[in-house]
Amino acid sequence: MLNIKQMIVSNWHFMRVLRLGAGLFIAYQAWQDGTILVGLLGSIFIFQAISNTGCCASGTCAVQSGKETRNSRHNN
């Protein structure tokens, strides 16, 4: 249980705060308008901010470098 608490309160960066702000704003607007699907979208953003997950949380979205090795080139 301590690990989950530590994960929530540590490592806050700009994108995590932005996701939380966007999620809270979207959820509030959905509550005002009474739209359930938009509220679901807002709750997804809030969940991503709290759990620090998202597209690049696992580190698999890195752009490959432009360097090619001799073995990776295709000869025509």
PDB file of N, CA and C in Angstrom:
ATOM      1  N   MET A   1       0.824  -1.195   0.000  1.00  0.00           N
ATOM      2  CA  MET A   1       0.000   0.000   0.000  1.00  0.00           C
ATOM      3  C   MET A   1       0.863   1.253   0.000  1.00  0.00           C
ATOM      4  N   LEU A   2       2.007   1.186   0.638  1.00  0.00           N
ATOM      5  CA  LEU A   2       2.910   2.333   0.687  1.00  0.00           C
ATOM      6  C   LEU A   2       3.427   2.665  -0.707  1.00  0.00           C
ATOM      7  N   ASN A   3       3.649   1.643  -1.527  1.00  0.00           N
ATOM      8  CA  ASN A   3       4.151   1.855  -2.877  1.00  0.00           C
ATOM      9  C   ASN A   3       3.148   2.643  -3.723  1.00  0.00           C
ATOM     10  N   ILE A   4       1.860   2.356  -3.583  1.00  0.00           N
ATOM     11  CA  ILE A   4       0.834   3.071  -4.348  1.00  0.00           C
ATOM     12  C   ILE A   4       0.789   4.527  -3.912  1.00  0.00           C
ATOM     13  N   LYS A   5       0.847   4.772  -2.620  1.00  0.00           N
ATOM     14  CA  LYS A   5       0.837   6.150  -2.116  1.00  0.00           C
ATOM     15  C   LYS A   5       2.057   6.912  -2.615  1.00  0.00           C
ATOM     16  N   GLN A   6       3.207   6.270  -2.608  1.00  0.00           N
ATOM     17  CA  GLN A   6       4.435   6.906  -3.087  1.00  0.00           C
ATOM     18  C   GLN A   6       4.338   7.201  -4.586  1.00  0.00           C
ATOM     19  N   MET A   7       3.717   6.303  -5.363  1.00  0.00           N
ATOM     20  CA  MET A   7       3.566   6.514  -6.792  1.00  0.00           C
ATOM     21  C   MET A   7       2.657   7.717  -7.071  1.00  0.00           C
ATOM     22  N   ILE A   8       1.624   7.892  -6.257  1.00  0.00           N
ATOM     23  CA  ILE A   8       0.685   8.990  -6.483  1.00  0.00           C
ATOM     24  C   ILE A   8       1.291  10.332  -6.123  1.00  0.00           C
ATOM     25  N   VAL A   9       2.031  10.414  -5.030  1.00  0.00           N
ATOM     26  CA  VAL A   9       2.516  11.714  -4.555  1.00  0.00           C
ATOM     27  C   VAL A   9       3.879  12.109  -5.102  1.00  0.00           C
ATOM     28  N   SER A  10       4.559  11.229  -5.808  1.00  0.00           N
ATOM     29  CA  SER A  10       5.897  11.577  -6.304  1.00  0.00           C
ATOM     30  C   SER A  10       5.906  11.654  -7.829  1.00  0.00           C
ATOM     31  N   ASN A  11       6.971  12.255  -8.353  1.00  0.00           N
ATOM     32  CA  ASN A  11       7.237  12.332  -9.785  1.00  0.00           C
ATOM     33  C   ASN A  11       6.178  13.122 -10.557  1.00  0.00           C
ATOM     34  N   TRP A  12       5.764  14.249 -10.022  1.00  0.00           N
ATOM     35  CA  TRP A  12       4.816  15.111 -10.734  1.00  0.00           C
ATOM     36  C   TRP A  12       5.599  16.007 -11.680  1.00  0.00           C
ATOM     37  N   HIS A  13       5.257  15.986 -12.955  1.00  0.00           N
ATOM     38  CA  HIS A  13       5.892  16.813 -13.961  1.00  0.00           C
ATOM     39  C   HIS A  13       4.807  17.555 -14.741  1.00  0.00           C
ATOM     40  N   PHE A  14       5.222  18.363 -15.693  1.00  0.00           N
ATOM     41  CA  PHE A  14       4.293  19.238 -16.394  1.00  0.00           C
ATOM     42  C   PHE A  14       3.155  18.477 -17.063  1.00  0.00           C
ATOM     43  N   MET A  15       3.454  17.409 -17.778  1.00  0.00           N
ATOM     44  CA  MET A  15       2.410  16.683 -18.501  1.00  0.00           C
ATOM     45  C   MET A  15       1.424  16.012 -17.549  1.00  0.00           C
ATOM     46  N   ARG A  16       1.907  15.577 -16.408  1.00  0.00           N
ATOM     47  CA  ARG A  16       1.016  14.946 -15.439  1.00  0.00           C
ATOM     48  C   ARG A  16       0.054  15.976 -14.848  1.00  0.00           C
ATOM     49  N   VAL A  17       0.556  17.158 -14.550  1.00  0.00           N
ATOM     50  CA  VAL A  17      -0.289  18.227 -14.032  1.00  0.00           C
ATOM     51  C   VAL A  17      -1.265  18.690 -15.109  1.00  0.00           C
ATOM     52  N   LEU A  18      -0.801  18.757 -16.352  1.00  0.00           N
ATOM     53  CA  LEU A  18      -1.666  19.155 -17.461  1.00  0.00           C
ATOM     54  C   LEU A  18      -2.800  18.154 -17.656  1.00  0.00           C
ATOM     55  N   ARG A  19      -2.503  16.864 -17.580  1.00  0.00           N
ATOM     56  CA  ARG A  19      -3.544  15.841 -17.689  1.00  0.00           C
ATOM     57  C   ARG A  19      -4.560  15.960 -16.566  1.00  0.00           C
ATOM     58  N   LEU A  20      -4.076  16.229 -15.347  1.00  0.00           N
ATOM     59  CA  LEU A  20      -4.988  16.370 -14.223  1.00  0.00           C
ATOM     60  C   LEU A  20      -5.882  17.597 -14.410  1.00  0.00           C
ATOM     61  N   GLY A  21      -5.294  18.709 -14.816  1.00  0.00           N
ATOM     62  CA  GLY A  21      -6.084  19.912 -15.045  1.00  0.00           C
ATOM     63  C   GLY A  21      -7.102  19.732 -16.141  1.00  0.00           C
ATOM     64  N   ALA A  22      -6.688  19.117 -17.246  1.00  0.00           N
ATOM     65  CA  ALA A  22      -7.609  18.876 -18.357  1.00  0.00           C
ATOM     66  C   ALA A  22      -8.723  17.923 -17.938  1.00  0.00           C
ATOM     67  N   GLY A  23      -8.370  16.891 -17.191  1.00  0.00           N
ATOM     68  CA  GLY A  23      -9.375  15.932 -16.732  1.00  0.00           C
ATOM     69  C   GLY A  23     -10.383  16.560 -15.796  1.00  0.00           C
ATOM     70  N   LEU A  24      -9.907  17.385 -14.869  1.00  0.00           N
ATOM     71  CA  LEU A  24     -10.818  18.060 -13.948  1.00  0.00           C
ATOM     72  C   LEU A  24     -11.725  19.039 -14.687  1.00  0.00           C
ATOM     73  N   PHE A  25     -11.167  19.768 -15.642  1.00  0.00           N
ATOM     74  CA  PHE A  25     -11.961  20.709 -16.419  1.00  0.00           C
ATOM     75  C   PHE A  25     -13.022  19.984 -17.242  1.00  0.00           C
ATOM     76  N   ILE A  26     -12.621  18.913 -17.923  1.00  0.00           N
ATOM     77  CA  ILE A  26     -13.561  18.155 -18.752  1.00  0.00           C
ATOM     78  C   ILE A  26     -14.643  17.513 -17.889  1.00  0.00           C
ATOM     79  N   ALA A  27     -14.246  16.964 -16.740  1.00  0.00           N
ATOM     80  CA  ALA A  27     -15.231  16.338 -15.851  1.00  0.00           C
ATOM     81  C   ALA A  27     -16.208  17.372 -15.303  1.00  0.00           C
ATOM     82  N   TYR A  28     -15.729  18.555 -14.974  1.00  0.00           N
ATOM     83  CA  TYR A  28     -16.609  19.612 -14.471  1.00  0.00           C
ATOM     84  C   TYR A  28     -17.591  20.065 -15.555  1.00  0.00           C
ATOM     85  N   GLN A  29     -17.097  20.224 -16.774  1.00  0.00           N
ATOM     86  CA  GLN A  29     -17.977  20.621 -17.872  1.00  0.00           C
ATOM     87  C   GLN A  29     -19.018  19.534 -18.152  1.00  0.00           C
ATOM     88  N   ALA A  30     -18.618  18.279 -18.048  1.00  0.00           N
ATOM     89  CA  ALA A  30     -19.558  17.179 -18.265  1.00  0.00           C
ATOM     90  C   ALA A  30     -20.613  17.156 -17.170  1.00  0.00           C
ATOM     91  N   TRP A  31     -20.212  17.442 -15.947  1.00  0.00           N
ATOM     92  CA  TRP A  31     -21.161  17.488 -14.836  1.00  0.00           C
ATOM     93  C   TRP A  31     -22.164  18.625 -15.035  1.00  0.00           C
ATOM     94  N   GLN A  32     -21.681  19.782 -15.495  1.00  0.00           N
ATOM     95  CA  GLN A  32     -22.562  20.916 -15.749  1.00  0.00           C
ATOM     96  C   GLN A  32     -23.564  20.616 -16.864  1.00  0.00           C
ATOM     97  N   ASP A  33     -23.081  19.987 -17.941  1.00  0.00           N
ATOM     98  CA  ASP A  33     -23.929  19.707 -19.094  1.00  0.00           C
ATOM     99  C   ASP A  33     -24.728  18.418 -18.949  1.00  0.00           C
ATOM    100  N   GLY A  34     -24.330  17.549 -18.045  1.00  0.00           N
ATOM    101  CA  GLY A  34     -25.016  16.283 -17.859  1.00  0.00           C
ATOM    102  C   GLY A  34     -24.699  15.256 -18.925  1.00  0.00           C
ATOM    103  N   THR A  35     -23.498  15.324 -19.499  1.00  0.00           N
ATOM    104  CA  THR A  35     -23.111  14.364 -20.540  1.00  0.00           C
ATOM    105  C   THR A  35     -22.222  13.285 -19.935  1.00  0.00           C
ATOM    106  N   ILE A  36     -22.665  12.060 -20.056  1.00  0.00           N
ATOM    107  CA  ILE A  36     -21.966  10.939 -19.424  1.00  0.00           C
ATOM    108  C   ILE A  36     -20.686  10.584 -20.183  1.00  0.00           C
ATOM    109  N   LEU A  37     -20.721  10.567 -21.505  1.00  0.00           N
ATOM    110  CA  LEU A  37     -19.543  10.169 -22.276  1.00  0.00           C
ATOM    111  C   LEU A  37     -18.390  11.160 -22.115  1.00  0.00           C
ATOM    112  N   VAL A  38     -18.703  12.432 -22.068  1.00  0.00           N
ATOM    113  CA  VAL A  38     -17.653  13.425 -21.852  1.00  0.00           C
ATOM    114  C   VAL A  38     -17.098  13.277 -20.435  1.00  0.00           C
ATOM    115  N   GLY A  39     -17.956  12.946 -19.481  1.00  0.00           N
ATOM    116  CA  GLY A  39     -17.498  12.682 -18.120  1.00  0.00           C
ATOM    117  C   GLY A  39     -16.570  11.488 -18.048  1.00  0.00           C
ATOM    118  N   LEU A  40     -16.839  10.488 -18.864  1.00  0.00           N
ATOM    119  CA  LEU A  40     -15.959   9.323 -18.936  1.00  0.00           C
ATOM    120  C   LEU A  40     -14.581   9.721 -19.477  1.00  0.00           C
ATOM    121  N   LEU A  41     -14.574  10.573 -20.490  1.00  0.00           N
ATOM    122  CA  LEU A  41     -13.309  11.062 -21.026  1.00  0.00           C
ATOM    123  C   LEU A  41     -12.523  11.832 -19.963  1.00  0.00           C
ATOM    124  N   GLY A  42     -13.203  12.679 -19.223  1.00  0.00           N
ATOM    125  CA  GLY A  42     -12.543  13.422 -18.149  1.00  0.00           C
ATOM    126  C   GLY A  42     -11.998  12.500 -17.067  1.00  0.00           C
ATOM    127  N   SER A  43     -12.753  11.456 -16.742  1.00  0.00           N
ATOM    128  CA  SER A  43     -12.281  10.530 -15.716  1.00  0.00           C
ATOM    129  C   SER A  43     -11.080   9.724 -16.199  1.00  0.00           C
ATOM    130  N   ILE A  44     -10.991   9.475 -17.495  1.00  0.00           N
ATOM    131  CA  ILE A  44      -9.816   8.785 -18.040  1.00  0.00           C
ATOM    132  C   ILE A  44      -8.574   9.665 -17.884  1.00  0.00           C
ATOM    133  N   PHE A  45      -8.717  10.959 -18.185  1.00  0.00           N
ATOM    134  CA  PHE A  45      -7.601  11.881 -18.000  1.00  0.00           C
ATOM    135  C   PHE A  45      -7.186  11.958 -16.532  1.00  0.00           C
ATOM    136  N   ILE A  46      -8.148  12.008 -15.630  1.00  0.00           N
ATOM    137  CA  ILE A  46      -7.840  12.063 -14.200  1.00  0.00           C
ATOM    138  C   ILE A  46      -7.123  10.790 -13.767  1.00  0.00           C
ATOM    139  N   PHE A  47      -7.608   9.638 -14.222  1.00  0.00           N
ATOM    140  CA  PHE A  47      -6.952   8.370 -13.890  1.00  0.00           C
ATOM    141  C   PHE A  47      -5.522   8.329 -14.403  1.00  0.00           C
ATOM    142  N   GLN A  48      -5.306   8.810 -15.631  1.00  0.00           N
ATOM    143  CA  GLN A  48      -3.951   8.829 -16.182  1.00  0.00           C
ATOM    144  C   GLN A  48      -3.031   9.722 -15.358  1.00  0.00           C
ATOM    145  N   ALA A  49      -3.548  10.840 -14.888  1.00  0.00           N
ATOM    146  CA  ALA A  49      -2.719  11.745 -14.094  1.00  0.00           C
ATOM    147  C   ALA A  49      -2.392  11.136 -12.741  1.00  0.00           C
ATOM    148  N   ILE A  50      -3.366  10.531 -12.091  1.00  0.00           N
ATOM    149  CA  ILE A  50      -3.126   9.965 -10.768  1.00  0.00           C
ATOM    150  C   ILE A  50      -2.199   8.760 -10.841  1.00  0.00           C
ATOM    151  N   SER A  51      -2.400   7.898 -11.829  1.00  0.00           N
ATOM    152  CA  SER A  51      -1.585   6.681 -11.921  1.00  0.00           C
ATOM    153  C   SER A  51      -0.304   6.878 -12.720  1.00  0.00           C
ATOM    154  N   ASN A  52      -0.107   8.077 -13.282  1.00  0.00           N
ATOM    155  CA  ASN A  52       1.070   8.406 -14.095  1.00  0.00           C
ATOM    156  C   ASN A  52       1.216   7.438 -15.267  1.00  0.00           C
ATOM    157  N   THR A  53       0.115   7.193 -15.937  1.00  0.00           N
ATOM    158  CA  THR A  53       0.124   6.359 -17.141  1.00  0.00           C
ATOM    159  C   THR A  53      -0.288   7.208 -18.328  1.00  0.00           C
ATOM    160  N   GLY A  54      -0.168   6.650 -19.480  1.00  0.00           N
ATOM    161  CA  GLY A  54      -0.528   7.362 -20.694  1.00  0.00           C
ATOM    162  C   GLY A  54       0.216   6.756 -21.858  1.00  0.00           C
ATOM    163  N   CYS A  55       0.303   7.469 -22.918  1.00  0.00           N
ATOM    164  CA  CYS A  55       0.930   6.960 -24.120  1.00  0.00           C
ATOM    165  C   CYS A  55       2.400   6.627 -23.884  1.00  0.00           C
ATOM    166  N   CYS A  56       3.136   7.532 -23.310  1.00  0.00           N
ATOM    167  CA  CYS A  56       4.576   7.347 -23.179  1.00  0.00           C
ATOM    168  C   CYS A  56       5.017   6.968 -21.769  1.00  0.00           C
ATOM    169  N   ALA A  57       4.121   6.526 -20.925  1.00  0.00           N
ATOM    170  CA  ALA A  57       4.505   6.175 -19.557  1.00  0.00           C
ATOM    171  C   ALA A  57       5.415   4.949 -19.518  1.00  0.00           C
ATOM    172  N   SER A  58       5.251   4.040 -20.468  1.00  0.00           N
ATOM    173  CA  SER A  58       6.073   2.836 -20.462  1.00  0.00           C
ATOM    174  C   SER A  58       7.384   3.029 -21.201  1.00  0.00           C
ATOM    175  N   GLY A  59       7.559   4.155 -21.861  1.00  0.00           N
ATOM    176  CA  GLY A  59       8.797   4.437 -22.568  1.00  0.00           C
ATOM    177  C   GLY A  59       8.878   3.786 -23.935  1.00  0.00           C
ATOM    178  N   THR A  60       7.767   3.290 -24.452  1.00  0.00           N
ATOM    179  CA  THR A  60       7.800   2.616 -25.745  1.00  0.00           C
ATOM    180  C   THR A  60       7.510   3.551 -26.912  1.00  0.00           C
ATOM    181  N   CYS A  61       7.260   4.817 -26.635  1.00  0.00           N
ATOM    182  CA  CYS A  61       6.940   5.763 -27.707  1.00  0.00           C
ATOM    183  C   CYS A  61       8.161   6.562 -28.163  1.00  0.00           C
ATOM    184  N   ALA A  62       9.333   6.121 -27.812  1.00  0.00           N
ATOM    185  CA  ALA A  62      10.543   6.861 -28.162  1.00  0.00           C
ATOM    186  C   ALA A  62      10.776   6.834 -29.666  1.00  0.00           C
ATOM    187  N   VAL A  63      11.251   7.929 -30.189  1.00  0.00           N
ATOM    188  CA  VAL A  63      11.563   8.025 -31.610  1.00  0.00           C
ATOM    189  C   VAL A  63      12.933   7.408 -31.836  1.00  0.00           C
ATOM    190  N   GLN A  64      13.044   6.578 -32.854  1.00  0.00           N
ATOM    191  CA  GLN A  64      14.318   5.943 -33.147  1.00  0.00           C
ATOM    192  C   GLN A  64      15.281   6.960 -33.724  1.00  0.00           C
ATOM    193  N   SER A  65      16.547   6.753 -33.448  1.00  0.00           N
ATOM    194  CA  SER A  65      17.547   7.675 -33.979  1.00  0.00           C
ATOM    195  C   SER A  65      17.683   7.482 -35.483  1.00  0.00           C
ATOM    196  N   GLY A  66      18.196   8.489 -36.156  1.00  0.00           N
ATOM    197  CA  GLY A  66      18.331   8.450 -37.602  1.00  0.00           C
ATOM    198  C   GLY A  66      19.540   7.650 -38.073  1.00  0.00           C
ATOM    199  N   LYS A  67      20.332   7.165 -37.168  1.00  0.00           N
ATOM    200  CA  LYS A  67      21.529   6.406 -37.548  1.00  0.00           C
ATOM    201  C   LYS A  67      21.146   5.018 -38.020  1.00  0.00           C
ATOM    202  N   GLU A  68      21.745   4.604 -39.118  1.00  0.00           N
ATOM    203  CA  GLU A  68      21.531   3.257 -39.628  1.00  0.00           C
ATOM    204  C   GLU A  68      22.838   2.489 -39.533  1.00  0.00           C
ATOM    205  N   THR A  69      22.732   1.250 -39.213  1.00  0.00           N
ATOM    206  CA  THR A  69      23.922   0.406 -39.210  1.00  0.00           C
ATOM    207  C   THR A  69      24.089  -0.220 -40.578  1.00  0.00           C
ATOM    208  N   ARG A  70      25.238  -0.712 -40.837  1.00  0.00           N
ATOM    209  CA  ARG A  70      25.546  -1.289 -42.147  1.00  0.00           C
ATOM    210  C   ARG A  70      24.654  -2.496 -42.423  1.00  0.00           C
ATOM    211  N   ASN A  71      24.289  -3.273 -41.412  1.00  0.00           N
ATOM    212  CA  ASN A  71      23.482  -4.467 -41.598  1.00  0.00           C
ATOM    213  C   ASN A  71      22.015  -4.156 -41.838  1.00  0.00           C
ATOM    214  N   SER A  72      21.558  -2.973 -41.457  1.00  0.00           N
ATOM    215  CA  SER A  72      20.135  -2.667 -41.593  1.00  0.00           C
ATOM    216  C   SER A  72      19.774  -2.054 -42.929  1.00  0.00           C
ATOM    217  N   ARG A  73      20.748  -1.711 -43.767  1.00  0.00           N
ATOM    218  CA  ARG A  73      20.459  -1.138 -45.074  1.00  0.00           C
ATOM    219  C   ARG A  73      20.052  -2.224 -46.056  1.00  0.00           C
ATOM    220  N   HIS A  74      19.140  -1.872 -46.922  1.00  0.00           N
ATOM    221  CA  HIS A  74      18.684  -2.817 -47.943  1.00  0.00           C
ATOM    222  C   HIS A  74      19.394  -2.478 -49.247  1.00  0.00           C
ATOM    223  N   ASN A  75      20.009  -3.464 -49.841  1.00  0.00           N
ATOM    224  CA  ASN A  75      20.688  -3.276 -51.116  1.00  0.00           C
ATOM    225  C   ASN A  75      19.709  -3.541 -52.248  1.00  0.00           C
ATOM    226  N   ASN A  76      19.671  -2.652 -53.222  1.00  0.00           N
ATOM    227  CA  ASN A  76      18.782  -2.824 -54.367  1.00  0.00           C
ATOM    228  C   ASN A  76      19.504  -3.422 -55.533  1.00  0.00           C
TER     229      ASN A  76
END
